[in-house]
Amino acid sequence: MPQVPADNAMTTERVALGRKLFYDTNLSANQTQSCASCHQQQYGFGENSATSVGSTGQVHRRNSQALVNVAYNKTLTWAHDGITAIEQQVLLPMFGEEPVELGITGHEQQVLARFKTKEYQSLFEQAYPDEDISFLLISKALASFVRSLISLNAPFDDYAYRGQDNAISESALRGMNLFFSEKFECHHCHGGFNFTQSTSHEQQVIDRRPFHNTGLYFIEQEGGYPKKDIGLAEVSGIERDNGRFRAPTLRNIERTAPYMHDGSLATLEQVIDFYAAGGRLLTSGKFAGDGRNNPLKSQFVRGIEMTEQEKQDLLAFLLTLTDEQFLTNPAHAAPNN
């Protein structure tokens, strides 16, 4: 089971409240966006856009992460190793000022007053009895809904965990063997049942908070990644963390395009080609440079000699991680009222 804070145990009432809040544009100061604006169910609760745009129109620098099995995540943003609880994380889009997302800061009382309706008061009372409506309770309820977004019903799960040998194709089976091979080494950063190292659960003893430099950029005159986003180094202040970002889950990866922290790779085929090359060469533009030569690049991104058939097999395997039930589950969709 996932680890859940002692002061915010999962209940049906808390998930129901969180679901309603998740889809409510009243949570943004100008009432134009909700959490669901950037986390859309058909895209694995991500967004089909390279980077997001906040409620005030500010263009963000990062891709909206998919909310797939977030209950099992050890870390919760692209490049921060200190944010490990969903209750913490949801405060960033709510109150963050750079970039502005929901833009609540400076409008706290105005926004909170919108949830003092008869309907919401009843929902809050059922979820958190005898507690006053507050942003603390809002963050707890949102966290409860996000924890309920569990995806474990893909064809891969039928094959690997339910013994259905015909659940995936021969091509996908070959791709799975390549994925977990030492030649391809995908599993080193995308391993385990959730296909990411950044995994935690009630039996997980090791505190894993891995971040990786994949050689997406290397601007020699700037010392590594573009100054607009140097990844974990922005938080740690440690030079070796330049360009290190969290490896997201690969579950539902088919539906969460575009890819990478800045949405700079449009398709899964491009992602596979990128890793096969051992990084990315940009010959022109303001980020020109050869990421393959980035000295801080992960040891597991060394390049792969890959045939076209192997590429197609690997792609076929990645498609077996798509959970159609999760992507269409009405219990995760916007409430009717």
C-alpha atoms as a PDB file:
ATOM      1  CA  MET A   1       0.000   0.000   0.000  1.00  0.00           C
ATOM      2  CA  PRO A   2       1.104   3.621  -0.495  1.00  0.00           C
ATOM      3  CA  GLN A   3       2.400   5.588   2.462  1.00  0.00           C
ATOM      4  CA  VAL A   4      -0.292   7.982   3.676  1.00  0.00           C
ATOM      5  CA  PRO A   5       0.166  10.723   6.322  1.00  0.00           C
ATOM      6  CA  ALA A   6      -1.306   9.801   9.692  1.00  0.00           C
ATOM      7  CA  ASP A   7      -3.258  13.075   9.813  1.00  0.00           C
ATOM      8  CA  ASN A   8      -4.893  12.560   6.408  1.00  0.00           C
ATOM      9  CA  ALA A   9      -6.057   8.959   6.195  1.00  0.00           C
ATOM     10  CA  MET A  10      -7.861   7.998   2.990  1.00  0.00           C
ATOM     11  CA  THR A  11     -11.656   8.071   3.172  1.00  0.00           C
ATOM     12  CA  THR A  12     -14.366   8.055   0.521  1.00  0.00           C
ATOM     13  CA  GLU A  13     -15.573  11.451   1.746  1.00  0.00           C
ATOM     14  CA  ARG A  14     -12.134  13.061   1.451  1.00  0.00           C
ATOM     15  CA  VAL A  15     -11.636  11.727  -2.068  1.00  0.00           C
ATOM     16  CA  ALA A  16     -15.073  13.019  -3.084  1.00  0.00           C
ATOM     17  CA  LEU A  17     -14.320  16.482  -1.713  1.00  0.00           C
ATOM     18  CA  GLY A  18     -10.898  16.517  -3.358  1.00  0.00           C
ATOM     19  CA  ARG A  19     -12.384  15.485  -6.687  1.00  0.00           C
ATOM     20  CA  LYS A  20     -14.865  18.368  -6.631  1.00  0.00           C
ATOM     21  CA  LEU A  21     -12.121  20.835  -5.686  1.00  0.00           C
ATOM     22  CA  PHE A  22      -9.800  19.453  -8.384  1.00  0.00           C
ATOM     23  CA  TYR A  23     -12.273  20.392 -11.117  1.00  0.00           C
ATOM     24  CA  ASP A  24     -13.472  23.693  -9.625  1.00  0.00           C
ATOM     25  CA  THR A  25     -12.232  26.889 -11.315  1.00  0.00           C
ATOM     26  CA  ASN A  26     -13.138  28.790  -8.141  1.00  0.00           C
ATOM     27  CA  LEU A  27      -9.778  27.603  -6.809  1.00  0.00           C
ATOM     28  CA  SER A  28      -7.988  30.100  -9.055  1.00  0.00           C
ATOM     29  CA  ALA A  29      -8.046  33.754  -8.090  1.00  0.00           C
ATOM     30  CA  ASN A  30      -9.572  34.887 -11.389  1.00  0.00           C
ATOM     31  CA  GLN A  31     -11.831  31.791 -11.652  1.00  0.00           C
ATOM     32  CA  THR A  32     -10.428  30.762 -15.044  1.00  0.00           C
ATOM     33  CA  GLN A  33      -8.559  27.549 -14.191  1.00  0.00           C
ATOM     34  CA  SER A  34      -8.755  24.485 -12.017  1.00  0.00           C
ATOM     35  CA  CYS A  35      -6.208  21.766 -11.269  1.00  0.00           C
ATOM     36  CA  ALA A  36      -7.791  19.832 -14.127  1.00  0.00           C
ATOM     37  CA  SER A  37      -6.898  22.585 -16.604  1.00  0.00           C
ATOM     38  CA  CYS A  38      -3.316  21.293 -16.695  1.00  0.00           C
ATOM     39  CA  HIS A  39      -4.014  17.734 -15.501  1.00  0.00           C
ATOM     40  CA  GLN A  40      -6.506  16.204 -17.932  1.00  0.00           C
ATOM     41  CA  GLN A  41      -7.717  12.638 -17.556  1.00  0.00           C
ATOM     42  CA  GLN A  42      -7.434  11.648 -21.231  1.00  0.00           C
ATOM     43  CA  TYR A  43      -3.726  12.537 -21.101  1.00  0.00           C
ATOM     44  CA  GLY A  44      -3.020  10.549 -17.935  1.00  0.00           C
ATOM     45  CA  PHE A  45      -3.832  13.685 -15.931  1.00  0.00           C
ATOM     46  CA  GLY A  46      -1.101  15.529 -17.816  1.00  0.00           C
ATOM     47  CA  GLU A  47      -1.481  17.994 -20.656  1.00  0.00           C
ATOM     48  CA  ASN A  48      -1.009  17.748 -24.426  1.00  0.00           C
ATOM     49  CA  SER A  49       1.209  20.826 -24.482  1.00  0.00           C
ATOM     50  CA  ALA A  50       4.971  21.302 -24.239  1.00  0.00           C
ATOM     51  CA  THR A  51       4.650  23.579 -21.216  1.00  0.00           C
ATOM     52  CA  SER A  52       1.681  24.842 -19.253  1.00  0.00           C
ATOM     53  CA  VAL A  53       0.089  28.280 -19.129  1.00  0.00           C
ATOM     54  CA  GLY A  54      -1.102  29.643 -15.788  1.00  0.00           C
ATOM     55  CA  SER A  55      -4.397  31.312 -14.939  1.00  0.00           C
ATOM     56  CA  THR A  56      -2.944  34.774 -15.637  1.00  0.00           C
ATOM     57  CA  GLY A  57      -1.579  33.726 -19.022  1.00  0.00           C
ATOM     58  CA  GLN A  58       2.000  33.270 -17.868  1.00  0.00           C
ATOM     59  CA  VAL A  59       3.794  30.644 -19.947  1.00  0.00           C
ATOM     60  CA  HIS A  60       5.601  28.131 -17.745  1.00  0.00           C
ATOM     61  CA  ARG A  61       8.994  26.578 -18.376  1.00  0.00           C
ATOM     62  CA  ARG A  62       8.060  22.968 -17.564  1.00  0.00           C
ATOM     63  CA  ASN A  63       5.801  20.243 -18.865  1.00  0.00           C
ATOM     64  CA  SER A  64       2.774  19.346 -16.753  1.00  0.00           C
ATOM     65  CA  GLN A  65       3.501  16.007 -15.081  1.00  0.00           C
ATOM     66  CA  ALA A  66       1.031  13.159 -15.399  1.00  0.00           C
ATOM     67  CA  LEU A  67      -0.743  12.285 -12.157  1.00  0.00           C
ATOM     68  CA  VAL A  68      -0.398   8.516 -12.490  1.00  0.00           C
ATOM     69  CA  ASN A  69       0.133   6.523  -9.277  1.00  0.00           C
ATOM     70  CA  VAL A  70       1.358   9.673  -7.550  1.00  0.00           C
ATOM     71  CA  ALA A  71       0.494   7.961  -4.264  1.00  0.00           C
ATOM     72  CA  TYR A  72       3.639   5.884  -4.787  1.00  0.00           C
ATOM     73  CA  ASN A  73       5.971   8.759  -5.708  1.00  0.00           C
ATOM     74  CA  LYS A  74       8.888   9.531  -3.413  1.00  0.00           C
ATOM     75  CA  THR A  75       9.364  12.980  -4.930  1.00  0.00           C
ATOM     76  CA  LEU A  76       6.665  15.058  -6.562  1.00  0.00           C
ATOM     77  CA  THR A  77       8.105  17.683  -8.894  1.00  0.00           C
ATOM     78  CA  TRP A  78      10.530  17.635 -11.804  1.00  0.00           C
ATOM     79  CA  ALA A  79      13.484  18.843  -9.778  1.00  0.00           C
ATOM     80  CA  HIS A  80      13.009  19.191  -6.015  1.00  0.00           C
ATOM     81  CA  ASP A  81      14.167  16.458  -3.643  1.00  0.00           C
ATOM     82  CA  GLY A  82      12.581  18.007  -0.562  1.00  0.00           C
ATOM     83  CA  ILE A  83       8.925  17.859  -1.591  1.00  0.00           C
ATOM     84  CA  THR A  84       7.810  14.348  -0.695  1.00  0.00           C
ATOM     85  CA  ALA A  85       4.172  14.766   0.434  1.00  0.00           C
ATOM     86  CA  ILE A  86       1.292  15.555  -1.913  1.00  0.00           C
ATOM     87  CA  GLU A  87      -0.114  17.894   0.739  1.00  0.00           C
ATOM     88  CA  GLN A  88       3.070  19.962   0.296  1.00  0.00           C
ATOM     89  CA  GLN A  89       3.141  19.796  -3.466  1.00  0.00           C
ATOM     90  CA  VAL A  90      -0.397  21.056  -4.102  1.00  0.00           C
ATOM     91  CA  LEU A  91       0.477  24.293  -2.318  1.00  0.00           C
ATOM     92  CA  LEU A  92       2.872  25.196  -5.156  1.00  0.00           C
ATOM     93  CA  PRO A  93       0.253  25.594  -7.910  1.00  0.00           C
ATOM     94  CA  MET A  94      -2.116  27.192  -5.412  1.00  0.00           C
ATOM     95  CA  PHE A  95       0.201  29.858  -3.968  1.00  0.00           C
ATOM     96  CA  GLY A  96       3.279  29.935  -6.198  1.00  0.00           C
ATOM     97  CA  GLU A  97       4.198  33.341  -7.600  1.00  0.00           C
ATOM     98  CA  GLU A  98       6.928  32.323 -10.058  1.00  0.00           C
ATOM     99  CA  PRO A  99       5.334  30.982 -12.077  1.00  0.00           C
ATOM    100  CA  VAL A 100       1.761  31.914 -11.277  1.00  0.00           C
ATOM    101  CA  GLU A 101      -0.581  28.958 -11.656  1.00  0.00           C
ATOM    102  CA  LEU A 102      -3.814  29.293  -9.683  1.00  0.00           C
ATOM    103  CA  GLY A 103      -2.631  32.631  -8.311  1.00  0.00           C
ATOM    104  CA  ILE A 104      -4.221  32.534  -4.859  1.00  0.00           C
ATOM    105  CA  THR A 105      -1.485  34.569  -3.142  1.00  0.00           C
ATOM    106  CA  GLY A 106      -2.878  38.002  -2.277  1.00  0.00           C
ATOM    107  CA  HIS A 107      -6.448  36.773  -2.790  1.00  0.00           C
ATOM    108  CA  GLU A 108      -6.666  34.210   0.007  1.00  0.00           C
ATOM    109  CA  GLN A 109      -9.838  35.403   1.742  1.00  0.00           C
ATOM    110  CA  GLN A 110     -11.649  36.046  -1.534  1.00  0.00           C
ATOM    111  CA  VAL A 111     -10.913  32.521  -2.792  1.00  0.00           C
ATOM    112  CA  LEU A 112     -11.657  30.808   0.509  1.00  0.00           C
ATOM    113  CA  ALA A 113     -15.026  32.548   0.759  1.00  0.00           C
ATOM    114  CA  ARG A 114     -16.159  30.798  -2.424  1.00  0.00           C
ATOM    115  CA  PHE A 115     -16.120  27.475  -0.586  1.00  0.00           C
ATOM    116  CA  LYS A 116     -18.375  28.584   2.257  1.00  0.00           C
ATOM    117  CA  THR A 117     -21.451  27.468   0.289  1.00  0.00           C
ATOM    118  CA  LYS A 118     -24.030  25.066   1.734  1.00  0.00           C
ATOM    119  CA  GLU A 119     -22.867  22.254  -0.577  1.00  0.00           C
ATOM    120  CA  TYR A 120     -19.192  22.643   0.215  1.00  0.00           C
ATOM    121  CA  GLN A 121     -19.823  23.070   3.933  1.00  0.00           C
ATOM    122  CA  SER A 122     -21.616  19.724   3.905  1.00  0.00           C
ATOM    123  CA  LEU A 123     -18.779  18.042   1.984  1.00  0.00           C
ATOM    124  CA  PHE A 124     -16.117  19.480   4.289  1.00  0.00           C
ATOM    125  CA  GLU A 125     -18.073  18.411   7.362  1.00  0.00           C
ATOM    126  CA  GLN A 126     -18.319  14.846   6.041  1.00  0.00           C
ATOM    127  CA  ALA A 127     -14.640  14.715   5.135  1.00  0.00           C
ATOM    128  CA  TYR A 128     -13.148  16.598   8.083  1.00  0.00           C
ATOM    129  CA  PRO A 129     -15.766  16.774  10.865  1.00  0.00           C
ATOM    130  CA  ASP A 130     -15.690  19.710  13.271  1.00  0.00           C
ATOM    131  CA  GLU A 131     -12.902  21.531  11.401  1.00  0.00           C
ATOM    132  CA  ASP A 132     -13.220  24.975   9.844  1.00  0.00           C
ATOM    133  CA  ILE A 133     -12.873  25.251   6.081  1.00  0.00           C
ATOM    134  CA  SER A 134      -9.295  26.276   5.351  1.00  0.00           C
ATOM    135  CA  PHE A 135      -6.581  25.968   2.746  1.00  0.00           C
ATOM    136  CA  LEU A 136      -5.041  23.278   4.935  1.00  0.00           C
ATOM    137  CA  LEU A 137      -8.160  21.140   4.506  1.00  0.00           C
ATOM    138  CA  ILE A 138      -8.320  21.989   0.807  1.00  0.00           C
ATOM    139  CA  SER A 139      -4.749  20.748   0.352  1.00  0.00           C
ATOM    140  CA  LYS A 140      -5.526  17.570   2.290  1.00  0.00           C
ATOM    141  CA  ALA A 141      -8.633  16.850   0.228  1.00  0.00           C
ATOM    142  CA  LEU A 142      -6.831  17.472  -3.062  1.00  0.00           C
ATOM    143  CA  ALA A 143      -4.058  15.151  -1.915  1.00  0.00           C
ATOM    144  CA  SER A 144      -6.620  12.458  -1.115  1.00  0.00           C
ATOM    145  CA  PHE A 145      -8.120  12.641  -4.608  1.00  0.00           C
ATOM    146  CA  VAL A 146      -4.709  12.572  -6.270  1.00  0.00           C
ATOM    147  CA  ARG A 147      -3.774   9.502  -4.196  1.00  0.00           C
ATOM    148  CA  SER A 148      -6.869   7.747  -5.530  1.00  0.00           C
ATOM    149  CA  LEU A 149      -5.603   7.999  -9.125  1.00  0.00           C
ATOM    150  CA  ILE A 150      -4.202   4.473  -9.308  1.00  0.00           C
ATOM    151  CA  SER A 151      -3.375   2.867 -12.655  1.00  0.00           C
ATOM    152  CA  LEU A 152      -2.586  -0.863 -12.508  1.00  0.00           C
ATOM    153  CA  ASN A 153      -4.831  -2.307 -15.234  1.00  0.00           C
ATOM    154  CA  ALA A 154      -2.712  -2.060 -18.365  1.00  0.00           C
ATOM    155  CA  PRO A 155      -2.079  -5.071 -20.661  1.00  0.00           C
ATOM    156  CA  PHE A 156       1.375  -5.335 -19.056  1.00  0.00           C
ATOM    157  CA  ASP A 157      -0.296  -5.896 -15.673  1.00  0.00           C
ATOM    158  CA  ASP A 158      -2.453  -8.652 -17.140  1.00  0.00           C
ATOM    159  CA  TYR A 159       0.671 -10.315 -18.479  1.00  0.00           C
ATOM    160  CA  ALA A 160       3.061  -9.781 -15.561  1.00  0.00           C
ATOM    161  CA  TYR A 161       0.767  -9.979 -12.530  1.00  0.00           C
ATOM    162  CA  ARG A 162      -2.372 -11.831 -13.653  1.00  0.00           C
ATOM    163  CA  GLY A 163      -0.776 -14.617 -15.665  1.00  0.00           C
ATOM    164  CA  GLN A 164      -2.423 -13.802 -18.994  1.00  0.00           C
ATOM    165  CA  ASP A 165       0.315 -14.904 -21.387  1.00  0.00           C
ATOM    166  CA  ASN A 166      -1.500 -13.614 -24.460  1.00  0.00           C
ATOM    167  CA  ALA A 167      -2.128 -10.133 -23.016  1.00  0.00           C
ATOM    168  CA  ILE A 168       0.775  -8.623 -24.953  1.00  0.00           C
ATOM    169  CA  SER A 169       2.104  -9.315 -28.443  1.00  0.00           C
ATOM    170  CA  GLU A 170       5.282 -11.150 -29.385  1.00  0.00           C
ATOM    171  CA  SER A 171       6.755  -7.818 -30.455  1.00  0.00           C
ATOM    172  CA  ALA A 172       5.907  -6.265 -27.069  1.00  0.00           C
ATOM    173  CA  LEU A 173       7.420  -9.271 -25.284  1.00  0.00           C
ATOM    174  CA  ARG A 174      10.664  -8.785 -27.211  1.00  0.00           C
ATOM    175  CA  GLY A 175      10.522  -5.098 -26.324  1.00  0.00           C
ATOM    176  CA  MET A 176      10.021  -5.916 -22.648  1.00  0.00           C
ATOM    177  CA  ASN A 177      13.116  -8.098 -22.669  1.00  0.00           C
ATOM    178  CA  LEU A 178      15.078  -5.272 -24.294  1.00  0.00           C
ATOM    179  CA  PHE A 179      13.715  -2.757 -21.754  1.00  0.00           C
ATOM    180  CA  PHE A 180      14.986  -4.844 -18.834  1.00  0.00           C
ATOM    181  CA  SER A 181      18.257  -5.803 -20.522  1.00  0.00           C
ATOM    182  CA  GLU A 182      21.698  -4.460 -19.634  1.00  0.00           C
ATOM    183  CA  LYS A 183      22.135  -3.475 -23.292  1.00  0.00           C
ATOM    184  CA  PHE A 184      19.251  -1.003 -23.236  1.00  0.00           C
ATOM    185  CA  GLU A 185      19.349  -0.223 -19.465  1.00  0.00           C
ATOM    186  CA  CYS A 186      15.951   1.509 -19.431  1.00  0.00           C
ATOM    187  CA  HIS A 187      15.023  -0.178 -16.159  1.00  0.00           C
ATOM    188  CA  HIS A 188      17.793   1.513 -14.178  1.00  0.00           C
ATOM    189  CA  CYS A 189      15.837   4.777 -14.143  1.00  0.00           C
ATOM    190  CA  HIS A 190      12.360   3.414 -14.968  1.00  0.00           C
ATOM    191  CA  GLY A 191      12.240   0.233 -12.892  1.00  0.00           C
ATOM    192  CA  GLY A 192       9.837  -1.412 -10.492  1.00  0.00           C
ATOM    193  CA  PHE A 193       6.085  -1.819 -10.740  1.00  0.00           C
ATOM    194  CA  ASN A 194       5.635   1.920 -11.264  1.00  0.00           C
ATOM    195  CA  PHE A 195       8.399   2.241 -13.875  1.00  0.00           C
ATOM    196  CA  THR A 196      10.292   4.941 -12.003  1.00  0.00           C
ATOM    197  CA  GLN A 197      13.018   4.798  -9.376  1.00  0.00           C
ATOM    198  CA  SER A 198      11.254   7.510  -7.420  1.00  0.00           C
ATOM    199  CA  THR A 199       8.930   5.039  -5.719  1.00  0.00           C
ATOM    200  CA  SER A 200       7.823   4.634  -2.132  1.00  0.00           C
ATOM    201  CA  HIS A 201       5.334   2.364  -0.365  1.00  0.00           C
ATOM    202  CA  GLU A 202       4.714   0.911   3.075  1.00  0.00           C
ATOM    203  CA  GLN A 203       7.388  -1.784   2.606  1.00  0.00           C
ATOM    204  CA  GLN A 204       9.923   0.501   0.914  1.00  0.00           C
ATOM    205  CA  VAL A 205      12.832   0.915   3.310  1.00  0.00           C
ATOM    206  CA  ILE A 206      15.338   2.676   1.057  1.00  0.00           C
ATOM    207  CA  ASP A 207      14.808   6.427   0.701  1.00  0.00           C
ATOM    208  CA  ARG A 208      15.146   6.823  -3.059  1.00  0.00           C
ATOM    209  CA  ARG A 209      15.117  10.340  -4.487  1.00  0.00           C
ATOM    210  CA  PRO A 210      16.925   9.871  -7.804  1.00  0.00           C
ATOM    211  CA  PHE A 211      17.355  12.583 -10.419  1.00  0.00           C
ATOM    212  CA  HIS A 212      19.162  12.222 -13.729  1.00  0.00           C
ATOM    213  CA  ASN A 213      20.986  14.290 -16.346  1.00  0.00           C
ATOM    214  CA  THR A 214      20.101  12.622 -19.644  1.00  0.00           C
ATOM    215  CA  GLY A 215      22.158  14.780 -21.987  1.00  0.00           C
ATOM    216  CA  LEU A 216      19.174  16.682 -23.353  1.00  0.00           C
ATOM    217  CA  TYR A 217      21.336  19.827 -23.452  1.00  0.00           C
ATOM    218  CA  PHE A 218      24.949  20.860 -23.167  1.00  0.00           C
ATOM    219  CA  ILE A 219      25.698  24.542 -23.687  1.00  0.00           C
ATOM    220  CA  GLU A 220      29.441  24.668 -23.069  1.00  0.00           C
ATOM    221  CA  GLN A 221      29.672  28.415 -22.526  1.00  0.00           C
ATOM    222  CA  GLU A 222      26.940  28.220 -19.886  1.00  0.00           C
ATOM    223  CA  GLY A 223      28.356  25.132 -18.191  1.00  0.00           C
ATOM    224  CA  GLY A 224      25.512  22.742 -18.938  1.00  0.00           C
ATOM    225  CA  TYR A 225      21.747  23.162 -19.191  1.00  0.00           C
ATOM    226  CA  PRO A 226      20.004  26.412 -20.211  1.00  0.00           C
ATOM    227  CA  LYS A 227      20.069  28.946 -17.391  1.00  0.00           C
ATOM    228  CA  LYS A 228      16.270  29.143 -17.459  1.00  0.00           C
ATOM    229  CA  ASP A 229      16.090  25.674 -15.906  1.00  0.00           C
ATOM    230  CA  ILE A 230      19.122  23.874 -14.497  1.00  0.00           C
ATOM    231  CA  GLY A 231      17.078  21.249 -12.663  1.00  0.00           C
ATOM    232  CA  LEU A 232      17.952  20.001  -9.194  1.00  0.00           C
ATOM    233  CA  ALA A 233      20.964  22.344  -8.963  1.00  0.00           C
ATOM    234  CA  GLU A 234      18.510  25.229  -8.699  1.00  0.00           C
ATOM    235  CA  VAL A 235      17.418  23.842  -5.316  1.00  0.00           C
ATOM    236  CA  SER A 236      20.595  22.149  -4.069  1.00  0.00           C
ATOM    237  CA  GLY A 237      23.151  24.689  -5.248  1.00  0.00           C
ATOM    238  CA  ILE A 238      25.436  21.773  -6.097  1.00  0.00           C
ATOM    239  CA  GLU A 239      27.173  21.924  -9.458  1.00  0.00           C
ATOM    240  CA  ARG A 240      26.884  18.189 -10.187  1.00  0.00           C
ATOM    241  CA  ASP A 241      23.080  18.518  -9.993  1.00  0.00           C
ATOM    242  CA  ASN A 242      23.047  20.730 -13.094  1.00  0.00           C
ATOM    243  CA  GLY A 243      20.563  19.241 -15.548  1.00  0.00           C
ATOM    244  CA  ARG A 244      19.283  16.540 -13.213  1.00  0.00           C
ATOM    245  CA  PHE A 245      15.537  15.913 -13.339  1.00  0.00           C
ATOM    246  CA  ARG A 246      13.215  13.282 -11.928  1.00  0.00           C
ATOM    247  CA  ALA A 247      12.448  10.228 -14.067  1.00  0.00           C
ATOM    248  CA  PRO A 248       8.636  10.102 -14.358  1.00  0.00           C
ATOM    249  CA  THR A 249       6.604   6.920 -14.443  1.00  0.00           C
ATOM    250  CA  LEU A 250       6.204   5.308 -17.857  1.00  0.00           C
ATOM    251  CA  ARG A 251       2.686   4.145 -17.096  1.00  0.00           C
ATOM    252  CA  ASN A 252       0.292   5.607 -19.693  1.00  0.00           C
ATOM    253  CA  ILE A 253       3.334   7.128 -21.397  1.00  0.00           C
ATOM    254  CA  GLU A 254       1.634   6.744 -24.786  1.00  0.00           C
ATOM    255  CA  ARG A 255      -0.915   9.395 -23.744  1.00  0.00           C
ATOM    256  CA  THR A 256       1.305  11.873 -21.916  1.00  0.00           C
ATOM    257  CA  ALA A 257       3.132  13.477 -24.852  1.00  0.00           C
ATOM    258  CA  PRO A 258       5.092  15.684 -25.290  1.00  0.00           C
ATOM    259  CA  TYR A 259       8.035  14.443 -23.261  1.00  0.00           C
ATOM    260  CA  MET A 260      10.950  15.545 -21.048  1.00  0.00           C
ATOM    261  CA  HIS A 261      10.851  18.267 -18.386  1.00  0.00           C
ATOM    262  CA  ASP A 262      10.318  20.980 -20.988  1.00  0.00           C
ATOM    263  CA  GLY A 263       8.188  19.055 -23.467  1.00  0.00           C
ATOM    264  CA  SER A 264      10.936  19.354 -26.076  1.00  0.00           C
ATOM    265  CA  LEU A 265      10.485  15.858 -27.545  1.00  0.00           C
ATOM    266  CA  ALA A 266       7.147  15.429 -29.275  1.00  0.00           C
ATOM    267  CA  THR A 267       6.799  11.668 -29.726  1.00  0.00           C
ATOM    268  CA  LEU A 268       7.826   8.388 -28.139  1.00  0.00           C
ATOM    269  CA  GLU A 269       9.777   7.590 -31.290  1.00  0.00           C
ATOM    270  CA  GLN A 270      11.820  10.751 -30.748  1.00  0.00           C
ATOM    271  CA  VAL A 271      12.432   9.782 -27.126  1.00  0.00           C
ATOM    272  CA  ILE A 272      13.702   6.339 -28.131  1.00  0.00           C
ATOM    273  CA  ASP A 273      15.953   7.874 -30.794  1.00  0.00           C
ATOM    274  CA  PHE A 274      17.255  10.349 -28.212  1.00  0.00           C
ATOM    275  CA  TYR A 275      18.323   7.604 -25.805  1.00  0.00           C
ATOM    276  CA  ALA A 276      19.708   5.482 -28.619  1.00  0.00           C
ATOM    277  CA  ALA A 277      21.933   8.436 -29.557  1.00  0.00           C
ATOM    278  CA  GLY A 278      23.096   8.866 -25.957  1.00  0.00           C
ATOM    279  CA  GLY A 279      21.874  12.453 -25.756  1.00  0.00           C
ATOM    280  CA  ARG A 280      20.790  15.219 -28.102  1.00  0.00           C
ATOM    281  CA  LEU A 281      22.779  17.269 -30.601  1.00  0.00           C
ATOM    282  CA  LEU A 282      21.326  20.713 -31.312  1.00  0.00           C
ATOM    283  CA  THR A 283      23.181  22.305 -34.197  1.00  0.00           C
ATOM    284  CA  SER A 284      21.467  25.703 -34.114  1.00  0.00           C
ATOM    285  CA  GLY A 285      19.397  27.993 -31.928  1.00  0.00           C
ATOM    286  CA  LYS A 286      20.048  29.533 -28.535  1.00  0.00           C
ATOM    287  CA  PHE A 287      20.470  26.113 -26.909  1.00  0.00           C
ATOM    288  CA  ALA A 288      22.871  24.736 -29.510  1.00  0.00           C
ATOM    289  CA  GLY A 289      25.274  22.137 -28.182  1.00  0.00           C
ATOM    290  CA  ASP A 290      25.994  18.418 -28.020  1.00  0.00           C
ATOM    291  CA  GLY A 291      24.225  16.861 -25.051  1.00  0.00           C
ATOM    292  CA  ARG A 292      25.977  13.581 -25.786  1.00  0.00           C
ATOM    293  CA  ASN A 293      29.155  15.200 -24.454  1.00  0.00           C
ATOM    294  CA  ASN A 294      27.644  16.598 -21.259  1.00  0.00           C
ATOM    295  CA  PRO A 295      30.143  15.587 -18.543  1.00  0.00           C
ATOM    296  CA  LEU A 296      27.365  15.334 -15.949  1.00  0.00           C
ATOM    297  CA  LYS A 297      25.267  12.960 -18.026  1.00  0.00           C
ATOM    298  CA  SER A 298      24.026   9.768 -16.348  1.00  0.00           C
ATOM    299  CA  GLN A 299      26.211   6.704 -16.784  1.00  0.00           C
ATOM    300  CA  PHE A 300      23.154   4.847 -18.089  1.00  0.00           C
ATOM    301  CA  VAL A 301      22.709   7.182 -21.073  1.00  0.00           C
ATOM    302  CA  ARG A 302      25.567   5.871 -23.170  1.00  0.00           C
ATOM    303  CA  GLY A 303      23.815   5.289 -26.473  1.00  0.00           C
ATOM    304  CA  ILE A 304      22.431   2.053 -27.870  1.00  0.00           C
ATOM    305  CA  GLU A 305      23.067   0.206 -31.107  1.00  0.00           C
ATOM    306  CA  MET A 306      19.464  -0.388 -32.046  1.00  0.00           C
ATOM    307  CA  THR A 307      17.896  -1.943 -35.118  1.00  0.00           C
ATOM    308  CA  GLU A 308      14.620  -0.671 -36.536  1.00  0.00           C
ATOM    309  CA  GLN A 309      12.934  -3.884 -35.396  1.00  0.00           C
ATOM    310  CA  GLU A 310      14.229  -3.409 -31.860  1.00  0.00           C
ATOM    311  CA  LYS A 311      12.909   0.138 -31.858  1.00  0.00           C
ATOM    312  CA  GLN A 312       9.470  -1.040 -32.938  1.00  0.00           C
ATOM    313  CA  ASP A 313       9.521  -3.815 -30.330  1.00  0.00           C
ATOM    314  CA  LEU A 314      10.439  -1.381 -27.558  1.00  0.00           C
ATOM    315  CA  LEU A 315       7.675   0.966 -28.677  1.00  0.00           C
ATOM    316  CA  ALA A 316       5.198  -1.942 -28.684  1.00  0.00           C
ATOM    317  CA  PHE A 317       6.161  -2.714 -25.096  1.00  0.00           C
ATOM    318  CA  LEU A 318       5.696   0.885 -23.962  1.00  0.00           C
ATOM    319  CA  LEU A 319       2.198   0.843 -25.439  1.00  0.00           C
ATOM    320  CA  THR A 320       1.299  -2.099 -23.168  1.00  0.00           C
ATOM    321  CA  LEU A 321       1.572   0.326 -20.225  1.00  0.00           C
ATOM    322  CA  THR A 322      -1.562   2.191 -21.373  1.00  0.00           C
ATOM    323  CA  ASP A 323      -4.449   1.663 -18.957  1.00  0.00           C
ATOM    324  CA  GLU A 324      -7.648   2.518 -20.838  1.00  0.00           C
ATOM    325  CA  GLN A 325      -9.771   1.937 -17.747  1.00  0.00           C
ATOM    326  CA  PHE A 326      -7.779   4.565 -15.835  1.00  0.00           C
ATOM    327  CA  LEU A 327      -8.025   7.068 -18.674  1.00  0.00           C
ATOM    328  CA  THR A 328     -11.813   6.734 -18.935  1.00  0.00           C
ATOM    329  CA  ASN A 329     -12.850   5.893 -15.360  1.00  0.00           C
ATOM    330  CA  PRO A 330     -15.902   8.053 -14.578  1.00  0.00           C
ATOM    331  CA  ALA A 331     -14.945   8.053 -10.891  1.00  0.00           C
ATOM    332  CA  HIS A 332     -11.905  10.184 -11.831  1.00  0.00           C
ATOM    333  CA  ALA A 333     -13.817  12.553 -14.130  1.00  0.00           C
ATOM    334  CA  ALA A 334     -15.438  15.853 -13.250  1.00  0.00           C
ATOM    335  CA  PRO A 335     -18.440  15.502 -10.917  1.00  0.00           C
ATOM    336  CA  ASN A 336     -21.841  16.053 -12.511  1.00  0.00           C
ATOM    337  CA  ASN A 337     -22.610  18.973 -10.220  1.00  0.00           C
END
